[in-house]
């Protein structure tokens, strides 16, 4: 289906505005003293342009790429500056534009005033790259920004955060660079086996036109999937995340896990599945095994943590397992749920990290064993943490319920064993949220905590929109489910159709009974 062209390059402008804000802070040193305000204004401008893009988007054709613009960039290689979004891409753009101003506001209490301009500039540069990533229609352009965004993230972690921040930043960089180098092999291979010529890297031109042999196609698929699995993060490529989240500022963690890690699952939905449907169906049993392992492992590891930041990071590993499960199970309902999950998780993770950061500022610690009784002295802070936690574990009426229910429903329709394992993850989730809440917020407060200040006006201004968005998505999920329905149908149909021709050559799955049953069920249908 051909993209619908834009009459005005709104997506390019949405990427340029935050980049312009960063350049202002870099090129005009006298303005750096107002770095907080300038960063916030440019981020709000990007949000306004995102809303403009939303009003220009035809929701009745959400499965079609819209607001498209295409300009030759490197004609010799067939590389284009090509942007455009379907319902999923637009939702991820709006999530990014929504969270960035809140992170900048939160940083006013996390980052010293004399370093605020640097922090704001790095966040704005990061936002510009992310806007291009979520709207890129050219694989080469996607890859360039996928790698370039590592630079601002590295400095956000390494210059701001805990005492071991430099080590955490280096670990993040090494893992991400490794994934990027692996993907580079696939990007080059797409030129070799693709249609070449003008628009050689456009996703719509590559889909169905890759002439690689079966073996070569699987290696190209693996090069993209591994890079996205590191970013997602999927077990066993997840180990960079807990260390990074522990040392980064809470605002950086919101962007890292709430937005950047979604590039992994977005890449699977927007690049891997459309470009490599046969290879995805061939590898699906192993991917599904890793997804449910991640659900259980992430939940159990979260329960064992004493550090709130690390606990939240492990809960995210579990949640990403649900997203990957929904994308690769081959069911439209599950795929729709996985896409809604990407947005819902971004909201709940923002609430959890921001509230934990506010708590750390008041107590000087995020060690669960050193806290207790916070609810009696900071009831608003305790309440917002609880709401965010309940949204994370899919309480009905909050943002996480519908997407998790859809993933489970779609999974059970394909495989009861995998569905049962995923449900066990839901039970574990209740433990890893409610048990820490009991230890941190209930009971008698320590003597030194009595009289501690509750949320102030700025912090309420940050959290109210997040809580409101959780409630809105929980009570009116059709806003997203309708927008993602056609995109999910394309993903599930392509995967299911390709699976009928690849089941006989499916890879040997790990020695996991549930996965063995999935393979057996697939061979009998």
Protein backbone atom coordinates (compact mmCIF):
# COMPACT_ATOMS: atom_id res chain seq x y z
CA UNK A 1 0.00 0.00 0.00
CA UNK A 2 1.48 3.33 -1.07
CA UNK A 3 2.09 6.02 1.59
CA UNK A 4 -0.16 9.07 1.77
CA UNK A 5 1.98 12.15 1.19
CA UNK A 6 1.89 15.16 3.49
CA UNK A 7 1.11 18.63 2.22
CA UNK A 8 3.54 20.02 4.83
CA UNK A 9 6.64 18.26 6.25
CA UNK A 10 5.27 18.13 9.77
CA UNK A 11 7.42 15.15 10.81
CA UNK A 12 10.63 16.80 9.67
CA UNK A 13 9.67 19.93 11.58
CA UNK A 14 8.93 17.84 14.67
CA UNK A 15 12.48 16.47 14.49
CA UNK A 16 14.09 19.84 13.73
CA UNK A 17 12.48 21.79 16.58
CA UNK A 18 14.15 19.96 19.52
CA UNK A 19 17.42 19.86 17.60
CA UNK A 20 17.15 23.63 17.15
CA UNK A 21 16.65 24.01 20.88
CA UNK A 22 19.82 22.04 21.57
CA UNK A 23 21.75 24.18 19.07
CA UNK A 24 20.51 27.36 20.77
CA UNK A 25 21.88 26.16 24.10
CA UNK A 26 25.16 25.15 22.50
CA UNK A 27 25.81 28.17 20.29
CA UNK A 28 24.54 30.90 22.62
CA UNK A 29 26.32 30.49 26.00
CA UNK A 30 24.55 33.48 27.67
CA UNK A 31 21.25 31.61 27.27
CA UNK A 32 22.54 28.57 29.15
CA UNK A 33 21.58 30.18 32.44
CA UNK A 34 18.01 29.81 31.22
CA UNK A 35 18.59 26.24 30.06
CA UNK A 36 15.69 24.88 32.09
CA UNK A 37 13.14 27.21 30.54
CA UNK A 38 14.54 27.00 27.01
CA UNK A 39 14.62 23.20 27.08
CA UNK A 40 11.06 23.05 28.36
CA UNK A 41 9.78 25.53 25.76
CA UNK A 42 11.31 23.67 22.82
CA UNK A 43 10.03 20.33 24.12
CA UNK A 44 6.53 21.78 24.47
CA UNK A 45 6.82 23.10 20.93
CA UNK A 46 7.65 19.58 19.74
CA UNK A 47 4.61 18.29 21.63
CA UNK A 48 2.46 20.91 19.94
CA UNK A 49 3.72 19.82 16.52
CA UNK A 50 2.98 16.22 17.47
CA UNK A 51 -0.60 17.22 18.25
CA UNK A 52 -0.73 18.99 14.90
CA UNK A 53 0.41 15.75 13.26
CA UNK A 54 -2.36 13.92 15.14
CA UNK A 55 -5.02 16.30 13.81
CA UNK A 56 -3.68 15.78 10.26
CA UNK A 57 -3.76 12.00 10.57
CA UNK A 58 -6.70 10.05 9.11
CA UNK A 59 -7.62 7.60 11.88
CA UNK A 60 -9.86 5.61 9.53
CA UNK A 61 -6.74 4.57 7.60
CA UNK A 62 -4.42 4.07 10.56
CA UNK A 63 -2.83 1.01 8.96
CA UNK A 64 -1.58 3.13 6.05
CA UNK A 65 1.58 5.22 6.24
CA UNK A 66 0.55 8.88 6.30
CA UNK A 67 2.17 12.33 6.51
CA UNK A 68 4.81 10.89 4.20
CA UNK A 69 7.68 12.85 2.69
CA UNK A 70 10.45 11.46 0.52
CA UNK A 71 13.63 13.20 -0.63
CA UNK A 72 16.69 11.65 -2.23
CA UNK A 73 19.61 11.78 0.20
CA UNK A 74 22.38 9.51 -1.15
CA UNK A 75 21.13 8.60 -4.64
CA UNK A 76 24.09 6.36 -5.43
CA UNK A 77 23.03 3.99 -2.64
CA UNK A 78 19.29 4.54 -3.00
CA UNK A 79 19.12 6.21 0.43
CA UNK A 80 16.28 8.66 1.06
CA UNK A 81 15.18 11.10 3.72
CA UNK A 82 11.82 9.39 3.95
CA UNK A 83 9.45 9.87 6.86
CA UNK A 84 5.88 8.76 7.50
CA UNK A 85 3.82 7.17 10.24
CA UNK A 86 1.02 4.68 10.65
CA UNK A 87 -1.04 4.44 13.83
CA UNK A 88 1.76 2.77 15.81
CA UNK A 89 4.45 5.20 14.74
CA UNK A 90 2.28 8.21 15.53
CA UNK A 91 1.44 6.86 18.99
CA UNK A 92 5.13 6.37 19.78
CA UNK A 93 5.90 9.90 18.60
CA UNK A 94 3.20 11.32 20.85
CA UNK A 95 4.39 9.22 23.82
CA UNK A 96 7.90 10.59 23.33
CA UNK A 97 6.73 14.19 22.97
CA UNK A 98 4.52 13.77 26.06
CA UNK A 99 7.25 12.39 28.31
CA UNK A 100 10.14 14.70 27.37
CA UNK A 101 8.70 17.91 28.95
CA UNK A 102 7.85 15.96 32.10
CA UNK A 103 11.40 14.59 32.30
CA UNK A 104 12.83 18.08 31.88
CA UNK A 105 10.55 19.42 34.61
CA UNK A 106 11.58 16.56 36.89
CA UNK A 107 15.25 17.28 36.21
CA UNK A 108 14.90 20.67 37.92
CA UNK A 109 15.16 18.75 41.18
CA UNK A 110 17.68 16.16 39.98
CA UNK A 111 20.28 18.16 38.05
CA UNK A 112 22.18 21.17 39.45
CA UNK A 113 21.20 24.47 37.85
CA UNK A 114 24.68 25.04 36.41
CA UNK A 115 24.45 21.75 34.47
CA UNK A 116 20.82 22.03 33.46
CA UNK A 117 21.61 23.44 30.02
CA UNK A 118 23.77 20.42 29.18
CA UNK A 119 21.12 18.00 30.41
CA UNK A 120 18.33 19.77 28.52
CA UNK A 121 20.40 19.96 25.35
CA UNK A 122 21.19 16.25 25.43
CA UNK A 123 17.54 15.36 26.00
CA UNK A 124 16.47 17.57 23.07
CA UNK A 125 19.05 15.99 20.74
CA UNK A 126 17.85 12.56 21.84
CA UNK A 127 14.23 13.54 21.16
CA UNK A 128 15.15 14.64 17.62
CA UNK A 129 16.76 11.28 16.85
CA UNK A 130 13.84 9.35 18.34
CA UNK A 131 11.31 11.28 16.25
CA UNK A 132 13.19 10.26 13.10
CA UNK A 133 13.46 6.64 14.26
CA UNK A 134 9.73 6.26 14.89
CA UNK A 135 8.85 7.88 11.56
CA UNK A 136 11.65 6.59 9.30
CA UNK A 137 10.53 4.78 6.15
CA UNK A 138 14.09 4.25 4.95
CA UNK A 139 16.05 1.45 6.65
CA UNK A 140 19.38 3.24 6.21
CA UNK A 141 18.00 6.43 7.78
CA UNK A 142 16.56 4.35 10.62
CA UNK A 143 19.95 2.75 11.21
CA UNK A 144 21.85 6.07 11.24
CA UNK A 145 19.59 7.52 13.93
CA UNK A 146 19.47 4.19 15.79
CA UNK A 147 23.24 4.47 16.24
CA UNK A 148 23.45 8.26 16.62
CA UNK A 149 21.05 8.32 19.58
CA UNK A 150 23.63 6.38 21.61
CA UNK A 151 25.76 9.53 21.93
CA UNK A 152 23.30 11.69 23.95
CA UNK A 153 22.19 8.68 26.00
CA UNK A 154 25.79 7.81 26.88
CA UNK A 155 26.40 11.32 28.21
CA UNK A 156 23.04 11.47 30.00
CA UNK A 157 24.04 8.34 31.91
CA UNK A 158 27.76 9.05 32.30
CA UNK A 159 27.53 12.74 33.27
CA UNK A 160 24.43 12.61 35.47
CA UNK A 161 23.57 9.90 37.96
CA UNK A 162 25.01 7.66 40.64
CA UNK A 163 28.60 7.00 41.73
CA UNK A 164 29.07 4.14 39.24
CA UNK A 165 27.44 5.98 36.36
CA UNK A 166 30.47 5.88 34.06
CA UNK A 167 30.72 2.11 34.31
CA UNK A 168 26.98 1.80 33.64
CA UNK A 169 27.23 4.17 30.68
CA UNK A 170 30.08 2.15 29.19
CA UNK A 171 28.17 -1.11 29.62
CA UNK A 172 25.13 0.40 27.92
CA UNK A 173 27.30 1.69 25.08
CA UNK A 174 29.09 -1.62 24.51
CA UNK A 175 25.88 -3.62 24.38
CA UNK A 176 24.20 -1.09 22.09
CA UNK A 177 27.20 -0.76 19.78
CA UNK A 178 27.42 -4.54 19.52
CA UNK A 179 23.78 -4.66 18.45
CA UNK A 180 24.32 -1.81 16.01
CA UNK A 181 27.32 -3.47 14.39
CA UNK A 182 25.36 -6.67 13.95
CA UNK A 183 22.52 -4.71 12.36
CA UNK A 184 24.98 -2.98 10.02
CA UNK A 185 25.68 -6.36 8.42
CA UNK A 186 21.98 -6.72 7.72
CA UNK A 187 21.67 -3.17 6.35
CA UNK A 188 24.48 -3.84 3.87
CA UNK A 189 22.93 -7.20 2.95
CA UNK A 190 19.62 -5.50 2.17
CA UNK A 191 21.36 -3.46 -0.51
CA UNK A 192 22.98 -6.59 -1.94
CA UNK A 193 19.78 -8.64 -2.01
CA UNK A 194 17.26 -5.82 -2.37
CA UNK A 195 15.87 -4.10 -5.46
CA UNK A 196 18.60 -1.39 -5.50
CA UNK A 197 18.10 1.74 -7.56
CA UNK A 198 16.06 4.73 -6.43
CA UNK A 199 14.44 4.20 -3.04
CA UNK A 200 16.40 0.99 -2.52
CA UNK A 201 16.11 1.21 1.27
CA UNK A 202 12.46 2.24 1.48
CA UNK A 203 10.58 -0.29 3.60
CA UNK A 204 7.68 -0.42 1.15
CA UNK A 205 10.11 -1.22 -1.68
CA UNK A 206 11.98 -3.89 0.28
CA UNK A 207 8.95 -5.79 1.56
CA UNK A 208 8.60 -8.94 -0.50
CA UNK A 209 11.52 -7.98 -2.77
CA UNK A 210 14.50 -9.43 -0.87
CA UNK A 211 16.03 -12.12 -3.10
CA UNK A 212 18.33 -13.75 -0.56
CA UNK A 213 18.49 -17.52 -0.24
CA UNK A 214 16.80 -19.18 2.72
CA UNK A 215 20.04 -19.34 4.70
CA UNK A 216 21.10 -15.79 3.85
CA UNK A 217 17.64 -14.48 4.65
CA UNK A 218 17.77 -16.04 8.09
CA UNK A 219 21.15 -14.47 8.81
CA UNK A 220 19.88 -11.05 7.71
CA UNK A 221 16.80 -11.51 9.89
CA UNK A 222 19.03 -12.47 12.83
CA UNK A 223 21.17 -9.36 12.40
CA UNK A 224 18.14 -7.10 12.84
CA UNK A 225 16.44 -9.19 15.50
CA UNK A 226 19.50 -9.41 17.75
CA UNK A 227 19.94 -5.63 17.66
CA UNK A 228 16.30 -5.10 18.61
CA UNK A 229 16.42 -7.85 21.25
CA UNK A 230 19.29 -6.03 22.97
CA UNK A 231 17.34 -2.80 22.88
CA UNK A 232 14.04 -4.39 23.97
CA UNK A 233 15.69 -5.87 26.28
CA UNK A 234 15.09 -9.62 25.94
CA UNK A 235 16.62 -12.33 28.09
CA UNK A 236 19.54 -13.20 27.84
CA UNK A 237 20.61 -9.86 26.30
CA UNK A 238 19.15 -7.77 29.11
CA UNK A 239 21.99 -7.49 31.63
CA UNK A 240 22.91 -3.91 30.74
CA UNK A 241 19.53 -2.54 31.86
CA UNK A 242 19.49 -3.02 35.68
CA UNK A 243 22.97 -1.51 36.11
CA UNK A 244 22.10 1.41 33.86
CA UNK A 245 18.75 2.12 35.51
CA UNK A 246 20.33 1.97 38.97
CA UNK A 247 22.91 4.64 38.13
CA UNK A 248 21.00 6.94 35.75
CA UNK A 249 18.80 9.77 36.96
CA UNK A 250 15.12 8.81 37.19
CA UNK A 251 14.33 11.11 34.26
CA UNK A 252 16.94 9.45 32.10
CA UNK A 253 15.52 6.04 33.04
CA UNK A 254 12.04 7.21 32.01
CA UNK A 255 13.34 8.02 28.54
CA UNK A 256 15.59 4.96 28.39
CA UNK A 257 12.96 2.38 29.35
CA UNK A 258 9.75 4.23 28.58
CA UNK A 259 10.78 5.32 25.08
CA UNK A 260 14.16 4.08 23.82
CA UNK A 261 13.68 0.44 24.74
CA UNK A 262 10.41 0.54 22.80
CA UNK A 263 12.53 1.05 19.70
CA UNK A 264 13.34 -2.64 20.08
CA UNK A 265 9.74 -3.82 19.96
CA UNK A 266 8.83 -1.11 17.44
CA UNK A 267 11.65 -2.31 15.19
CA UNK A 268 10.32 -5.86 15.41
CA UNK A 269 6.85 -4.70 14.37
CA UNK A 270 7.87 -2.12 11.76
CA UNK A 271 10.96 -3.73 10.19
CA UNK A 272 11.55 -7.35 11.18
CA UNK A 273 8.07 -8.78 10.67
CA UNK A 274 7.22 -6.91 7.42
CA UNK A 275 10.62 -7.52 5.80
CA UNK A 276 11.26 -11.06 7.06
CA UNK A 277 7.90 -12.80 7.60
CA UNK A 278 9.17 -16.30 6.64
CA UNK A 279 12.25 -15.98 8.77
CA UNK A 280 10.18 -14.61 11.67
CA UNK A 281 7.81 -17.59 11.45
CA UNK A 282 10.81 -19.94 11.30
CA UNK A 283 12.34 -18.42 14.45
CA UNK A 284 9.05 -17.80 16.29
CA UNK A 285 9.20 -20.90 18.55
CA UNK A 286 12.57 -19.85 19.97
CA UNK A 287 11.49 -16.21 20.26
CA UNK A 288 8.31 -17.21 22.09
CA UNK A 289 10.34 -19.38 24.46
CA UNK A 290 12.64 -16.46 25.26
CA UNK A 291 9.63 -14.17 25.72
CA UNK A 292 7.95 -16.34 28.36
CA UNK A 293 11.30 -16.99 30.05
CA UNK A 294 11.74 -13.23 30.24
CA UNK A 295 8.27 -12.80 31.75
CA UNK A 296 9.01 -15.23 34.58
CA UNK A 297 12.68 -14.38 35.07
CA UNK A 298 12.10 -10.62 35.11
CA UNK A 299 9.32 -10.98 37.68
CA UNK A 300 11.27 -13.28 40.01
CA UNK A 301 14.40 -11.14 39.74
CA UNK A 302 12.34 -8.04 40.60
CA UNK A 303 11.08 -9.66 43.80
CA UNK A 304 14.68 -10.29 44.89
CA UNK A 305 15.80 -6.65 44.57
CA UNK A 306 16.44 -4.27 47.45
CA UNK A 307 16.98 -1.24 45.19
CA UNK A 308 13.81 0.36 43.82
CA UNK A 309 15.47 1.43 40.57
CA UNK A 310 16.74 -2.08 39.88
CA UNK A 311 13.38 -3.56 40.85
CA UNK A 312 11.55 -1.38 38.34
CA UNK A 313 14.06 -2.27 35.62
CA UNK A 314 13.48 -5.99 36.15
CA UNK A 315 9.71 -5.51 36.04
CA UNK A 316 10.26 -3.93 32.64
CA UNK A 317 12.14 -7.00 31.42
CA UNK A 318 9.05 -9.01 32.35
CA UNK A 319 6.74 -6.56 30.58
CA UNK A 320 8.83 -6.60 27.41
CA UNK A 321 8.38 -10.36 27.41
CA UNK A 322 4.63 -9.79 27.09
CA UNK A 323 5.17 -7.38 24.20
CA UNK A 324 7.39 -9.78 22.26
CA UNK A 325 5.00 -12.65 22.99
CA UNK A 326 2.11 -10.65 21.55
CA UNK A 327 4.03 -9.70 18.42
CA UNK A 328 5.28 -13.18 17.52
CA UNK A 329 2.40 -15.44 18.60
CA UNK A 330 0.71 -14.81 15.23
CA UNK A 331 -2.63 -13.48 16.46
CA UNK A 332 -4.15 -10.09 15.65
CA UNK A 333 -5.62 -9.53 19.11
CA UNK A 334 -2.30 -10.33 20.77
CA UNK A 335 -0.39 -8.11 18.34
CA UNK A 336 -2.79 -5.23 18.99
CA UNK A 337 -2.36 -5.76 22.71
CA UNK A 338 1.43 -5.74 22.38
CA UNK A 339 1.31 -2.38 20.60
CA UNK A 340 -1.02 -0.85 23.20
CA UNK A 341 1.27 -2.36 25.85
CA UNK A 342 4.16 -0.31 24.44
CA UNK A 343 2.30 2.91 25.20
CA UNK A 344 0.82 1.77 28.52
CA UNK A 345 4.18 0.62 29.82
CA UNK A 346 5.72 3.98 28.90
CA UNK A 347 3.18 5.70 31.14
CA UNK A 348 3.46 3.36 34.13
CA UNK A 349 7.26 3.30 34.01
CA UNK A 350 7.28 7.11 33.98
CA UNK A 351 5.14 7.18 37.11
CA UNK A 352 7.23 4.60 38.95
CA UNK A 353 10.63 6.13 38.18
CA UNK A 354 9.61 9.73 38.72
CA UNK A 355 7.95 8.97 42.07
CA UNK A 356 10.95 6.88 43.14
CA UNK A 357 13.19 9.81 42.25
CA UNK A 358 11.09 12.19 44.34
CA UNK A 359 11.29 9.70 47.19
CA UNK A 360 15.08 9.44 46.87
CA UNK A 361 15.45 13.23 47.06
CA UNK A 362 13.63 13.27 50.39
CA UNK A 363 15.13 10.19 52.01
CA UNK A 364 18.56 9.96 50.40
CA UNK A 365 18.04 6.30 49.52
CA UNK A 366 16.08 3.90 47.33
CA UNK A 367 17.08 0.85 49.37
CA UNK A 368 13.84 -0.89 50.29
CA UNK A 369 15.33 -2.26 53.52
CA UNK A 370 16.07 1.29 54.73
CA UNK A 371 12.59 2.64 54.11
CA UNK A 372 9.22 2.17 55.76
CA UNK A 373 6.14 4.07 56.87
CA UNK A 374 6.39 6.60 54.04
CA UNK A 375 2.62 6.60 53.54
CA UNK A 376 2.07 8.28 56.90
CA UNK A 377 4.34 11.22 56.16
CA UNK A 378 4.01 11.45 52.35
CA UNK A 379 0.54 10.17 51.46
CA UNK A 380 0.42 11.77 48.00
CA UNK A 381 3.77 10.30 47.02
CA UNK A 382 2.69 6.89 48.30
CA UNK A 383 -0.62 7.09 46.44
CA UNK A 384 0.95 8.00 43.11
CA UNK A 385 3.47 5.16 43.46
CA UNK A 386 0.63 2.73 44.17
CA UNK A 387 -1.43 3.90 41.18
CA UNK A 388 1.59 3.59 38.89
CA UNK A 389 2.35 0.15 40.28
CA UNK A 390 -1.23 -1.01 39.86
CA UNK A 391 -1.22 0.24 36.26
CA UNK A 392 1.97 -1.74 35.75
CA UNK A 393 0.36 -4.97 36.98
CA UNK A 394 -2.79 -4.43 34.88
CA UNK A 395 -5.44 -3.41 37.39
CA UNK A 396 -8.78 -3.02 35.56
CA UNK A 397 -9.49 0.62 34.82
CA UNK A 398 -5.84 1.54 34.41
CA UNK A 399 -3.65 1.59 31.31
CA UNK A 400 -2.06 -1.85 31.65
CA UNK A 401 -5.20 -3.98 31.89
CA UNK A 402 -6.53 -4.07 28.33
CA UNK A 403 -3.21 -4.66 26.55
CA UNK A 404 -2.19 -7.44 28.93
CA UNK A 405 -5.61 -9.06 28.63
CA UNK A 406 -5.39 -8.89 24.82
CA UNK A 407 -1.92 -10.47 24.77
CA UNK A 408 -3.09 -13.28 27.06
CA UNK A 409 -6.30 -13.83 25.06
CA UNK A 410 -4.43 -14.01 21.77
CA UNK A 411 -1.78 -16.26 23.27
CA UNK A 412 -4.31 -18.74 24.66
CA UNK A 413 -5.98 -18.91 21.23
CA UNK A 414 -2.67 -20.14 19.80
CA UNK A 415 -1.09 -22.04 22.68
CA UNK A 416 -2.58 -22.88 26.06
CA UNK A 417 0.82 -23.81 27.61
CA UNK A 418 2.36 -20.46 26.71
CA UNK A 419 -0.75 -18.71 27.97
CA UNK A 420 -0.52 -20.51 31.31
CA UNK A 421 3.13 -19.52 31.71
CA UNK A 422 2.28 -15.91 30.89
CA UNK A 423 -0.51 -15.93 33.49
CA UNK A 424 2.02 -17.07 36.07
CA UNK A 425 3.89 -13.87 35.21
CA UNK A 426 0.76 -11.88 36.04
CA UNK A 427 0.62 -13.50 39.49
CA UNK A 428 4.31 -12.78 40.08
CA UNK A 429 3.71 -9.16 39.04
CA UNK A 430 1.26 -8.67 41.91
CA UNK A 431 3.99 -9.79 44.30
CA UNK A 432 6.77 -7.60 42.92
CA UNK A 433 4.61 -4.47 43.19
CA UNK A 434 2.60 -5.01 46.35
CA UNK A 435 5.36 -6.51 48.50
CA UNK A 436 7.77 -3.58 47.99
CA UNK A 437 4.87 -1.18 48.52
CA UNK A 438 4.17 -2.81 51.86
CA UNK A 439 7.82 -2.63 52.91
CA UNK A 440 8.43 0.94 51.76
CA UNK A 441 5.17 2.72 52.45
CA UNK A 442 3.32 0.94 55.26
CA UNK A 443 4.17 0.56 58.94
CA UNK A 444 5.59 3.13 61.32
CA UNK A 445 7.93 5.75 59.81
CA UNK A 446 11.46 6.16 61.09
CA UNK A 447 11.85 9.02 63.55
CA UNK A 448 13.94 11.03 61.12
CA UNK A 449 11.27 10.83 58.43
CA UNK A 450 8.50 12.44 60.49
CA UNK A 451 7.72 15.87 59.08
CA UNK A 452 9.20 15.17 55.64
CA UNK A 453 7.61 17.16 52.85
CA UNK A 454 5.10 15.55 50.53
CA UNK A 455 4.88 16.27 46.80
CA UNK A 456 5.30 19.96 45.98
CA UNK A 457 3.52 21.91 43.26
CA UNK A 458 6.06 21.18 40.52
CA UNK A 459 6.00 17.47 41.25
CA UNK A 460 2.20 17.41 41.23
CA UNK A 461 2.27 19.20 37.88
CA UNK A 462 4.51 16.41 36.56
CA UNK A 463 2.54 13.47 37.93
CA UNK A 464 -1.03 14.62 37.30
CA UNK A 465 -0.75 14.27 33.48
CA UNK A 466 0.86 10.84 33.85
CA UNK A 467 -1.88 9.56 36.16
CA UNK A 468 -4.55 11.14 33.95
CA UNK A 469 -3.10 9.39 30.89
CA UNK A 470 -3.10 6.04 32.72
CA UNK A 471 -6.77 6.51 33.61
CA UNK A 472 -7.70 7.72 30.13
CA UNK A 473 -6.08 4.74 28.43
CA UNK A 474 -7.60 2.38 30.98
CA UNK A 475 -11.13 3.74 30.55
CA UNK A 476 -11.02 4.46 26.80
CA UNK A 477 -8.59 1.92 25.31
CA UNK A 478 -10.41 1.95 21.96
CA UNK A 479 -8.49 5.12 21.09
CA UNK A 480 -5.40 2.95 20.63
CA UNK A 481 -6.87 -0.46 19.86
CA UNK A 482 -8.72 0.98 16.87
CA UNK A 483 -5.60 2.82 15.70
CA UNK A 484 -3.46 -0.32 15.93
CA UNK A 485 -5.98 -2.85 14.62
CA UNK A 486 -4.98 -2.65 10.96
CA UNK A 487 -1.26 -2.53 11.72
CA UNK A 488 -1.59 -5.57 13.95
CA UNK A 489 -3.62 -7.37 11.29
CA UNK A 490 -0.82 -6.85 8.78
CA UNK A 491 1.75 -8.20 11.24
CA UNK A 492 -0.28 -11.21 12.34
CA UNK A 493 -1.44 -12.10 8.81
CA UNK A 494 2.06 -11.95 7.37
CA UNK A 495 3.46 -14.05 10.21
CA UNK A 496 0.67 -16.60 10.10
CA UNK A 497 0.78 -16.93 6.30
CA UNK A 498 4.55 -17.30 6.29
CA UNK A 499 4.34 -19.84 9.09
CA UNK A 500 2.37 -22.27 6.92
CA UNK A 501 5.38 -22.59 4.61
CA UNK A 502 8.08 -22.74 7.28
CA UNK A 503 6.75 -25.04 10.00
CA UNK A 504 8.39 -28.06 8.47
CA UNK A 505 11.78 -26.37 8.78
CA UNK A 506 11.28 -24.73 12.17
CA UNK A 507 14.46 -24.48 14.28
CA UNK A 508 14.98 -26.79 17.19
CA UNK A 509 13.60 -25.00 20.22
CA UNK A 510 15.15 -25.10 23.70
CA UNK A 511 14.24 -27.99 25.91
CA UNK A 512 11.10 -26.31 27.13
CA UNK A 513 7.90 -28.41 27.21
CA UNK A 514 5.62 -25.48 26.43
CA UNK A 515 7.55 -24.55 23.31
CA UNK A 516 7.63 -28.16 22.18
CA UNK A 517 3.85 -28.22 22.44
CA UNK A 518 3.60 -24.99 20.41
CA UNK A 519 5.69 -26.53 17.62
CA UNK A 520 3.63 -29.71 17.73
CA UNK A 521 0.38 -27.73 17.56
CA UNK A 522 1.70 -25.74 14.61
CA UNK A 523 2.61 -28.92 12.71
CA UNK A 524 -0.86 -30.39 13.16
CA UNK A 525 -2.84 -27.35 11.99
